Amino acid sequence: MNSRWLSNTYLVADDGARTAVMVDAGGPVTPLLELIERERYELTHVLLTHRHHDHIDELPVVLSAHPGTQVLIHPLERELVPTATGDLVDGQVISSGRLTFEALHTPGHTAGMISLLADGSDLFTGDTLFRGSVGGVRAPGHTTYADLRHSIMDRLLALPAATRIHPGHTEPTTVADELESNPFVRIWRGLDPEGTSTCVALGEPATLILLAGDYDGGHKAWVRWPDGTDDIVPGSRVTPNGADGDAGS
């Protein structure tokens, strides 16, 4: 995990075939590159969940050590990552030794966000779903709240309850845990009520549906605008009930 951005870089290896796949490259990648060398793995792919800098910052370091490695990303974001060599599209299956990675298009945080289901049991969710939180839809290249909710509820959390989730930031979780404990998901499931208090979000009046903790110790806010549309925004940009704004992000 990157100590600055709290973003994760993962290495998934097939010990039998001696092949490995890297998921994202936000760094620090040196320990993973040392592991690849020590175990004599062949790095066959770098699979990118999306193009934000905290997930690709050390990609040049990886490619310097392993030139010619396939770097795949959704086509909507490929032109923003010049070192990408190919596309990842919904339903595509990438094989490395006996490992398989199924690409799931999960837009919201970005238009080309990809989640990856490894061997049907381990899910890499990028910045769509975190332990106890969800991705925002105000980052560069975002789409909509409706997209994010659909990606989480109809794609990711529709997977078997035992599926292990490896987020793009901080700690792992499971589908079962997020269905039960994630405050956004609990409201979407009808287990908890929506909030009704007023607030100022991004400088505009809104209804505060939920203010919940985020992966970095700050907060995320689900707000509803006067026209009835919903948004997921940084808690630091929300002032509930005219009080001082939250210091989180």
C-alpha atoms as a PDB file:
ATOM      1  CA  MET A   1       0.000   0.000   0.000  1.00  0.00           C
ATOM      2  CA  ASN A   2       1.260   3.445  -0.906  1.00  0.00           C
ATOM      3  CA  SER A   3       1.812   5.369   2.333  1.00  0.00           C
ATOM      4  CA  ARG A   4       0.794   8.668   0.733  1.00  0.00           C
ATOM      5  CA  TRP A   5      -2.310   7.707  -1.225  1.00  0.00           C
ATOM      6  CA  LEU A   6      -3.184   4.487   0.632  1.00  0.00           C
ATOM      7  CA  SER A   7      -3.590   2.864  -2.792  1.00  0.00           C
ATOM      8  CA  ASN A   8      -2.847  -0.833  -3.210  1.00  0.00           C
ATOM      9  CA  THR A   9      -0.758  -2.643  -5.785  1.00  0.00           C
ATOM     10  CA  TYR A  10      -1.343  -6.386  -5.909  1.00  0.00           C
ATOM     11  CA  LEU A  11       0.659  -9.310  -7.270  1.00  0.00           C
ATOM     12  CA  VAL A  12      -1.182 -12.554  -7.984  1.00  0.00           C
ATOM     13  CA  ALA A  13       0.989 -15.547  -8.863  1.00  0.00           C
ATOM     14  CA  ASP A  14       0.593 -19.125 -10.055  1.00  0.00           C
ATOM     15  CA  ASP A  15       3.347 -20.974  -8.228  1.00  0.00           C
ATOM     16  CA  GLY A  16       2.995 -23.993 -10.476  1.00  0.00           C
ATOM     17  CA  ALA A  17       3.331 -22.152 -13.771  1.00  0.00           C
ATOM     18  CA  ARG A  18       5.654 -19.482 -12.268  1.00  0.00           C
ATOM     19  CA  THR A  19       3.588 -16.706 -13.812  1.00  0.00           C
ATOM     20  CA  ALA A  20       2.312 -13.543 -12.156  1.00  0.00           C
ATOM     21  CA  VAL A  21      -0.081 -10.676 -12.793  1.00  0.00           C
ATOM     22  CA  MET A  22       0.104  -7.213 -11.244  1.00  0.00           C
ATOM     23  CA  VAL A  23      -3.138  -5.344 -10.512  1.00  0.00           C
ATOM     24  CA  ASP A  24      -2.537  -1.579 -10.650  1.00  0.00           C
ATOM     25  CA  ALA A  25       0.870   0.014 -10.170  1.00  0.00           C
ATOM     26  CA  GLY A  26       0.503   2.903  -7.754  1.00  0.00           C
ATOM     27  CA  GLY A  27       3.482   1.680  -5.797  1.00  0.00           C
ATOM     28  CA  PRO A  28       5.577   1.053  -3.993  1.00  0.00           C
ATOM     29  CA  VAL A  29       6.274  -1.717  -6.505  1.00  0.00           C
ATOM     30  CA  THR A  30       9.871  -2.483  -5.498  1.00  0.00           C
ATOM     31  CA  PRO A  31       8.921  -5.200  -2.952  1.00  0.00           C
ATOM     32  CA  LEU A  32       6.771  -6.884  -5.601  1.00  0.00           C
ATOM     33  CA  LEU A  33       9.515  -6.684  -8.229  1.00  0.00           C
ATOM     34  CA  GLU A  34      11.940  -8.204  -5.727  1.00  0.00           C
ATOM     35  CA  LEU A  35       9.465 -11.018  -5.112  1.00  0.00           C
ATOM     36  CA  ILE A  36       9.115 -11.639  -8.843  1.00  0.00           C
ATOM     37  CA  GLU A  37      12.894 -11.881  -9.196  1.00  0.00           C
ATOM     38  CA  ARG A  38      13.373 -14.025  -6.101  1.00  0.00           C
ATOM     39  CA  GLU A  39      10.639 -16.497  -7.098  1.00  0.00           C
ATOM     40  CA  ARG A  40      11.556 -16.333 -10.796  1.00  0.00           C
ATOM     41  CA  TYR A  41       8.056 -15.521 -11.906  1.00  0.00           C
ATOM     42  CA  GLU A  42       7.244 -14.308 -15.399  1.00  0.00           C
ATOM     43  CA  LEU A  43       5.202 -11.107 -15.143  1.00  0.00           C
ATOM     44  CA  THR A  44       2.706 -11.636 -17.958  1.00  0.00           C
ATOM     45  CA  HIS A  45       0.307  -8.721 -17.419  1.00  0.00           C
ATOM     46  CA  VAL A  46      -0.304  -5.480 -15.586  1.00  0.00           C
ATOM     47  CA  LEU A  47      -4.073  -5.041 -15.329  1.00  0.00           C
ATOM     48  CA  LEU A  48      -5.179  -1.498 -14.544  1.00  0.00           C
ATOM     49  CA  THR A  49      -8.483  -0.784 -12.831  1.00  0.00           C
ATOM     50  CA  HIS A  50      -8.403   2.836 -14.050  1.00  0.00           C
ATOM     51  CA  ARG A  51      -6.108   5.658 -15.061  1.00  0.00           C
ATOM     52  CA  HIS A  52      -5.826   7.829 -11.935  1.00  0.00           C
ATOM     53  CA  HIS A  53      -2.242   8.616 -10.955  1.00  0.00           C
ATOM     54  CA  ASP A  54      -2.404   6.867  -7.575  1.00  0.00           C
ATOM     55  CA  HIS A  55      -2.991   3.597  -9.427  1.00  0.00           C
ATOM     56  CA  ILE A  56      -0.419   3.933 -12.226  1.00  0.00           C
ATOM     57  CA  ASP A  57       2.343   6.146 -10.798  1.00  0.00           C
ATOM     58  CA  GLU A  58       5.055   3.468 -10.739  1.00  0.00           C
ATOM     59  CA  LEU A  59       4.099   1.743 -13.985  1.00  0.00           C
ATOM     60  CA  PRO A  60       7.335   3.005 -15.640  1.00  0.00           C
ATOM     61  CA  VAL A  61       9.327   1.287 -12.871  1.00  0.00           C
ATOM     62  CA  VAL A  62       7.536  -1.991 -13.573  1.00  0.00           C
ATOM     63  CA  LEU A  63       8.082  -1.755 -17.315  1.00  0.00           C
ATOM     64  CA  SER A  64      11.733  -0.841 -16.860  1.00  0.00           C
ATOM     65  CA  ALA A  65      12.220  -4.096 -14.974  1.00  0.00           C
ATOM     66  CA  HIS A  66       9.920  -6.129 -17.245  1.00  0.00           C
ATOM     67  CA  PRO A  67       9.834  -4.577 -20.721  1.00  0.00           C
ATOM     68  CA  GLY A  68       7.284  -6.059 -23.062  1.00  0.00           C
ATOM     69  CA  THR A  69       4.775  -6.897 -20.324  1.00  0.00           C
ATOM     70  CA  GLN A  70       1.192  -6.497 -21.501  1.00  0.00           C
ATOM     71  CA  VAL A  71      -0.498  -3.489 -19.871  1.00  0.00           C
ATOM     72  CA  LEU A  72      -4.274  -3.569 -20.237  1.00  0.00           C
ATOM     73  CA  ILE A  73      -6.920  -0.952 -19.396  1.00  0.00           C
ATOM     74  CA  HIS A  74     -10.458  -0.134 -20.512  1.00  0.00           C
ATOM     75  CA  PRO A  75     -10.492   1.493 -23.976  1.00  0.00           C
ATOM     76  CA  LEU A  76     -12.227   4.620 -22.628  1.00  0.00           C
ATOM     77  CA  GLU A  77      -9.058   5.349 -20.632  1.00  0.00           C
ATOM     78  CA  ARG A  78      -6.335   3.822 -22.782  1.00  0.00           C
ATOM     79  CA  GLU A  79      -5.274   7.044 -24.496  1.00  0.00           C
ATOM     80  CA  LEU A  80      -4.584   8.553 -21.058  1.00  0.00           C
ATOM     81  CA  VAL A  81      -2.045   5.821 -20.259  1.00  0.00           C
ATOM     82  CA  PRO A  82       0.443   5.897 -23.159  1.00  0.00           C
ATOM     83  CA  THR A  83       2.270   2.772 -21.983  1.00  0.00           C
ATOM     84  CA  ALA A  84      -0.885   0.649 -22.153  1.00  0.00           C
ATOM     85  CA  THR A  85      -0.608  -2.037 -24.828  1.00  0.00           C
ATOM     86  CA  GLY A  86      -4.178  -3.312 -25.043  1.00  0.00           C
ATOM     87  CA  ASP A  87      -7.779  -3.158 -23.911  1.00  0.00           C
ATOM     88  CA  LEU A  88      -9.769  -4.656 -21.044  1.00  0.00           C
ATOM     89  CA  VAL A  89     -13.486  -4.858 -21.806  1.00  0.00           C
ATOM     90  CA  ASP A  90     -16.453  -6.258 -19.938  1.00  0.00           C
ATOM     91  CA  GLY A  91     -16.486 -10.044 -19.895  1.00  0.00           C
ATOM     92  CA  GLN A  92     -12.951 -10.410 -21.214  1.00  0.00           C
ATOM     93  CA  VAL A  93     -10.942 -13.190 -19.549  1.00  0.00           C
ATOM     94  CA  ILE A  94      -7.180 -12.857 -19.131  1.00  0.00           C
ATOM     95  CA  SER A  95      -5.170 -16.011 -18.455  1.00  0.00           C
ATOM     96  CA  SER A  96      -1.747 -16.286 -16.864  1.00  0.00           C
ATOM     97  CA  GLY A  97      -0.670 -19.833 -16.235  1.00  0.00           C
ATOM     98  CA  ARG A  98      -3.688 -21.374 -14.545  1.00  0.00           C
ATOM     99  CA  LEU A  99      -4.911 -18.016 -13.243  1.00  0.00           C
ATOM    100  CA  THR A 100      -7.928 -16.345 -14.833  1.00  0.00           C
ATOM    101  CA  PHE A 101      -9.087 -12.753 -14.450  1.00  0.00           C
ATOM    102  CA  GLU A 102     -12.543 -11.761 -15.669  1.00  0.00           C
ATOM    103  CA  ALA A 103     -12.963  -8.055 -16.399  1.00  0.00           C
ATOM    104  CA  LEU A 104     -16.131  -6.426 -15.056  1.00  0.00           C
ATOM    105  CA  HIS A 105     -16.905  -2.929 -16.321  1.00  0.00           C
ATOM    106  CA  THR A 106     -17.964  -0.983 -13.208  1.00  0.00           C
ATOM    107  CA  PRO A 107     -18.271   2.718 -14.159  1.00  0.00           C
ATOM    108  CA  GLY A 108     -19.005   5.490 -11.700  1.00  0.00           C
ATOM    109  CA  HIS A 109     -15.733   6.674 -10.190  1.00  0.00           C
ATOM    110  CA  THR A 110     -14.441   6.757 -13.783  1.00  0.00           C
ATOM    111  CA  ALA A 111     -16.063   5.881 -17.092  1.00  0.00           C
ATOM    112  CA  GLY A 112     -13.656   3.041 -17.789  1.00  0.00           C
ATOM    113  CA  MET A 113     -13.369   1.565 -14.294  1.00  0.00           C
ATOM    114  CA  ILE A 114     -12.658  -2.160 -14.375  1.00  0.00           C
ATOM    115  CA  SER A 115     -13.031  -4.630 -11.536  1.00  0.00           C
ATOM    116  CA  LEU A 116     -11.303  -7.984 -11.831  1.00  0.00           C
ATOM    117  CA  LEU A 117     -12.595 -11.354 -10.642  1.00  0.00           C
ATOM    118  CA  ALA A 118      -9.654 -13.715 -10.160  1.00  0.00           C
ATOM    119  CA  ASP A 119     -10.409 -17.439 -10.352  1.00  0.00           C
ATOM    120  CA  GLY A 120     -14.014 -16.725  -9.421  1.00  0.00           C
ATOM    121  CA  SER A 121     -13.194 -16.047  -5.772  1.00  0.00           C
ATOM    122  CA  ASP A 122     -11.087 -12.883  -5.389  1.00  0.00           C
ATOM    123  CA  LEU A 123     -12.436  -9.528  -6.544  1.00  0.00           C
ATOM    124  CA  PHE A 124     -10.272  -6.471  -7.180  1.00  0.00           C
ATOM    125  CA  THR A 125     -12.596  -3.470  -7.083  1.00  0.00           C
ATOM    126  CA  GLY A 126     -10.346  -0.480  -7.833  1.00  0.00           C
ATOM    127  CA  ASP A 127     -12.054   2.682  -6.588  1.00  0.00           C
ATOM    128  CA  THR A 128     -15.618   1.406  -6.936  1.00  0.00           C
ATOM    129  CA  LEU A 129     -16.073  -0.312  -3.582  1.00  0.00           C
ATOM    130  CA  PHE A 130     -14.038  -0.111  -0.371  1.00  0.00           C
ATOM    131  CA  ARG A 131     -14.368  -1.702   3.031  1.00  0.00           C
ATOM    132  CA  GLY A 132     -17.233   0.261   4.578  1.00  0.00           C
ATOM    133  CA  SER A 133     -17.319   2.906   1.843  1.00  0.00           C
ATOM    134  CA  VAL A 134     -17.793   3.511  -1.870  1.00  0.00           C
ATOM    135  CA  GLY A 135     -16.070   5.450  -4.615  1.00  0.00           C
ATOM    136  CA  GLY A 136     -16.918   9.074  -5.250  1.00  0.00           C
ATOM    137  CA  VAL A 137     -18.325  10.329  -8.528  1.00  0.00           C
ATOM    138  CA  ARG A 138     -16.541  13.670  -8.604  1.00  0.00           C
ATOM    139  CA  ALA A 139     -13.049  12.474  -9.592  1.00  0.00           C
ATOM    140  CA  PRO A 140     -11.620  13.245 -13.058  1.00  0.00           C
ATOM    141  CA  GLY A 141     -13.424  11.208 -15.705  1.00  0.00           C
ATOM    142  CA  HIS A 142     -16.342  10.248 -13.447  1.00  0.00           C
ATOM    143  CA  THR A 143     -19.784   9.222 -14.642  1.00  0.00           C
ATOM    144  CA  THR A 144     -22.834   9.180 -12.340  1.00  0.00           C
ATOM    145  CA  TYR A 145     -24.215   8.114  -8.990  1.00  0.00           C
ATOM    146  CA  ALA A 146     -26.618   5.804 -10.824  1.00  0.00           C
ATOM    147  CA  ASP A 147     -23.690   4.089 -12.551  1.00  0.00           C
ATOM    148  CA  LEU A 148     -21.831   3.640  -9.263  1.00  0.00           C
ATOM    149  CA  ARG A 149     -24.844   2.175  -7.495  1.00  0.00           C
ATOM    150  CA  HIS A 150     -25.522  -0.212 -10.374  1.00  0.00           C
ATOM    151  CA  SER A 151     -21.871  -1.286 -10.472  1.00  0.00           C
ATOM    152  CA  ILE A 152     -21.843  -2.041  -6.741  1.00  0.00           C
ATOM    153  CA  MET A 153     -25.278  -3.543  -6.183  1.00  0.00           C
ATOM    154  CA  ASP A 154     -25.963  -5.305  -9.483  1.00  0.00           C
ATOM    155  CA  ARG A 155     -22.460  -6.442 -10.376  1.00  0.00           C
ATOM    156  CA  LEU A 156     -20.038  -6.630  -7.456  1.00  0.00           C
ATOM    157  CA  LEU A 157     -22.320  -7.479  -4.546  1.00  0.00           C
ATOM    158  CA  ALA A 158     -24.341  -9.860  -6.701  1.00  0.00           C
ATOM    159  CA  LEU A 159     -21.346 -12.212  -6.545  1.00  0.00           C
ATOM    160  CA  PRO A 160     -21.297 -15.062  -3.985  1.00  0.00           C
ATOM    161  CA  ALA A 161     -21.180 -13.899  -0.361  1.00  0.00           C
ATOM    162  CA  ALA A 162     -17.822 -15.572   0.289  1.00  0.00           C
ATOM    163  CA  THR A 163     -16.089 -13.627  -2.502  1.00  0.00           C
ATOM    164  CA  ARG A 164     -13.023 -11.855  -1.098  1.00  0.00           C
ATOM    165  CA  ILE A 165     -12.777  -8.165  -2.020  1.00  0.00           C
ATOM    166  CA  HIS A 166      -9.426  -6.437  -2.518  1.00  0.00           C
ATOM    167  CA  PRO A 167     -10.096  -2.690  -2.862  1.00  0.00           C
ATOM    168  CA  GLY A 168      -7.954  -0.087  -4.561  1.00  0.00           C
ATOM    169  CA  HIS A 169      -7.345   1.483  -1.135  1.00  0.00           C
ATOM    170  CA  THR A 170      -6.636   0.043   2.307  1.00  0.00           C
ATOM    171  CA  GLU A 171      -8.089  -3.121   3.795  1.00  0.00           C
ATOM    172  CA  PRO A 172      -9.783  -6.194   2.290  1.00  0.00           C
ATOM    173  CA  THR A 173     -13.335  -7.284   2.932  1.00  0.00           C
ATOM    174  CA  THR A 174     -15.926  -9.721   1.560  1.00  0.00           C
ATOM    175  CA  VAL A 175     -19.199  -9.472  -0.306  1.00  0.00           C
ATOM    176  CA  ALA A 176     -21.021 -10.718   2.804  1.00  0.00           C
ATOM    177  CA  ASP A 177     -19.429  -8.089   5.038  1.00  0.00           C
ATOM    178  CA  GLU A 178     -20.262  -5.225   2.680  1.00  0.00           C
ATOM    179  CA  LEU A 179     -23.862  -6.363   2.293  1.00  0.00           C
ATOM    180  CA  GLU A 180     -24.239  -6.346   6.059  1.00  0.00           C
ATOM    181  CA  SER A 181     -22.046  -3.467   7.239  1.00  0.00           C
ATOM    182  CA  ASN A 182     -21.435  -0.921   4.476  1.00  0.00           C
ATOM    183  CA  PRO A 183     -23.655   2.087   5.384  1.00  0.00           C
ATOM    184  CA  PHE A 184     -24.293   3.032   1.740  1.00  0.00           C
ATOM    185  CA  VAL A 185     -25.248  -0.535   0.878  1.00  0.00           C
ATOM    186  CA  ARG A 186     -27.498  -0.853   3.919  1.00  0.00           C
ATOM    187  CA  ILE A 187     -29.592   2.091   2.736  1.00  0.00           C
ATOM    188  CA  TRP A 188     -29.657   0.774  -0.834  1.00  0.00           C
ATOM    189  CA  ARG A 189     -30.927  -2.550   0.542  1.00  0.00           C
ATOM    190  CA  GLY A 190     -33.637  -0.794   2.546  1.00  0.00           C
ATOM    191  CA  LEU A 191     -32.147  -1.835   5.903  1.00  0.00           C
ATOM    192  CA  ASP A 192     -31.529   1.716   7.121  1.00  0.00           C
ATOM    193  CA  PRO A 193     -33.444   4.951   6.388  1.00  0.00           C
ATOM    194  CA  GLU A 194     -32.142   7.819   4.286  1.00  0.00           C
ATOM    195  CA  GLY A 195     -31.141  10.983   6.098  1.00  0.00           C
ATOM    196  CA  THR A 196     -33.283  14.086   5.640  1.00  0.00           C
ATOM    197  CA  SER A 197     -31.224  16.961   7.079  1.00  0.00           C
ATOM    198  CA  THR A 198     -30.211  19.901   4.942  1.00  0.00           C
ATOM    199  CA  CYS A 199     -26.612  20.745   4.134  1.00  0.00           C
ATOM    200  CA  VAL A 200     -24.379  22.718   1.809  1.00  0.00           C
ATOM    201  CA  ALA A 201     -22.415  20.460  -0.569  1.00  0.00           C
ATOM    202  CA  LEU A 202     -19.835  21.769  -2.997  1.00  0.00           C
ATOM    203  CA  GLY A 203     -21.211  25.217  -2.171  1.00  0.00           C
ATOM    204  CA  GLU A 204     -24.806  24.328  -3.119  1.00  0.00           C
ATOM    205  CA  PRO A 205     -27.865  23.492  -0.987  1.00  0.00           C
ATOM    206  CA  ALA A 206     -28.656  19.783  -0.756  1.00  0.00           C
ATOM    207  CA  THR A 207     -30.172  17.067   1.405  1.00  0.00           C
ATOM    208  CA  LEU A 208     -27.665  14.957   3.313  1.00  0.00           C
ATOM    209  CA  ILE A 209     -28.732  11.355   2.795  1.00  0.00           C
ATOM    210  CA  LEU A 210     -25.647   9.890   4.496  1.00  0.00           C
ATOM    211  CA  LEU A 211     -22.342  11.050   5.937  1.00  0.00           C
ATOM    212  CA  ALA A 212     -20.168   7.982   6.513  1.00  0.00           C
ATOM    213  CA  GLY A 213     -16.554   7.161   7.269  1.00  0.00           C
ATOM    214  CA  ASP A 214     -14.162   6.691   4.368  1.00  0.00           C
ATOM    215  CA  TYR A 215     -11.086   4.514   3.914  1.00  0.00           C
ATOM    216  CA  ASP A 216      -8.654   7.355   4.714  1.00  0.00           C
ATOM    217  CA  GLY A 217     -10.155   8.301   8.075  1.00  0.00           C
ATOM    218  CA  GLY A 218     -12.234  11.097   6.536  1.00  0.00           C
ATOM    219  CA  HIS A 219     -15.803  10.917   5.288  1.00  0.00           C
ATOM    220  CA  LYS A 220     -17.875  10.381   2.163  1.00  0.00           C
ATOM    221  CA  ALA A 221     -21.238  12.038   1.688  1.00  0.00           C
ATOM    222  CA  TRP A 222     -24.273  10.933  -0.273  1.00  0.00           C
ATOM    223  CA  VAL A 223     -26.278  14.042  -1.102  1.00  0.00           C
ATOM    224  CA  ARG A 224     -29.443  14.795  -3.049  1.00  0.00           C
ATOM    225  CA  TRP A 225     -29.701  17.966  -5.070  1.00  0.00           C
ATOM    226  CA  PRO A 226     -32.893  20.052  -5.329  1.00  0.00           C
ATOM    227  CA  ASP A 227     -33.647  18.538  -8.764  1.00  0.00           C
ATOM    228  CA  GLY A 228     -33.795  15.063  -7.211  1.00  0.00           C
ATOM    229  CA  THR A 229     -30.486  13.757  -8.529  1.00  0.00           C
ATOM    230  CA  ASP A 230     -27.999  12.102  -6.184  1.00  0.00           C
ATOM    231  CA  ASP A 231     -24.222  12.441  -5.803  1.00  0.00           C
ATOM    232  CA  ILE A 232     -21.345  10.928  -3.819  1.00  0.00           C
ATOM    233  CA  VAL A 233     -18.950  13.705  -2.806  1.00  0.00           C
ATOM    234  CA  PRO A 234     -16.038  14.218  -0.387  1.00  0.00           C
ATOM    235  CA  GLY A 235     -17.193  14.790   3.169  1.00  0.00           C
ATOM    236  CA  SER A 236     -14.791  17.715   3.373  1.00  0.00           C
ATOM    237  CA  ARG A 237     -16.978  19.550   0.866  1.00  0.00           C
ATOM    238  CA  VAL A 238     -20.160  19.169   2.904  1.00  0.00           C
ATOM    239  CA  THR A 239     -21.408  21.371   5.748  1.00  0.00           C
ATOM    240  CA  PRO A 240     -24.277  19.617   7.545  1.00  0.00           C
ATOM    241  CA  ASN A 241     -26.990  21.827   9.055  1.00  0.00           C
ATOM    242  CA  GLY A 242     -24.869  24.944   8.738  1.00  0.00           C
ATOM    243  CA  ALA A 243     -22.125  23.536  10.984  1.00  0.00           C
ATOM    244  CA  ASP A 244     -18.411  23.568  10.188  1.00  0.00           C
ATOM    245  CA  GLY A 245     -17.447  21.310   7.318  1.00  0.00           C
ATOM    246  CA  ASP A 246     -15.973  17.881   7.892  1.00  0.00           C
ATOM    247  CA  ALA A 247     -12.198  17.702   7.714  1.00  0.00           C
ATOM    248  CA  GLY A 248     -12.194  14.347   5.904  1.00  0.00           C
ATOM    249  CA  SER A 249     -11.967  13.636   2.187  1.00  0.00           C
END
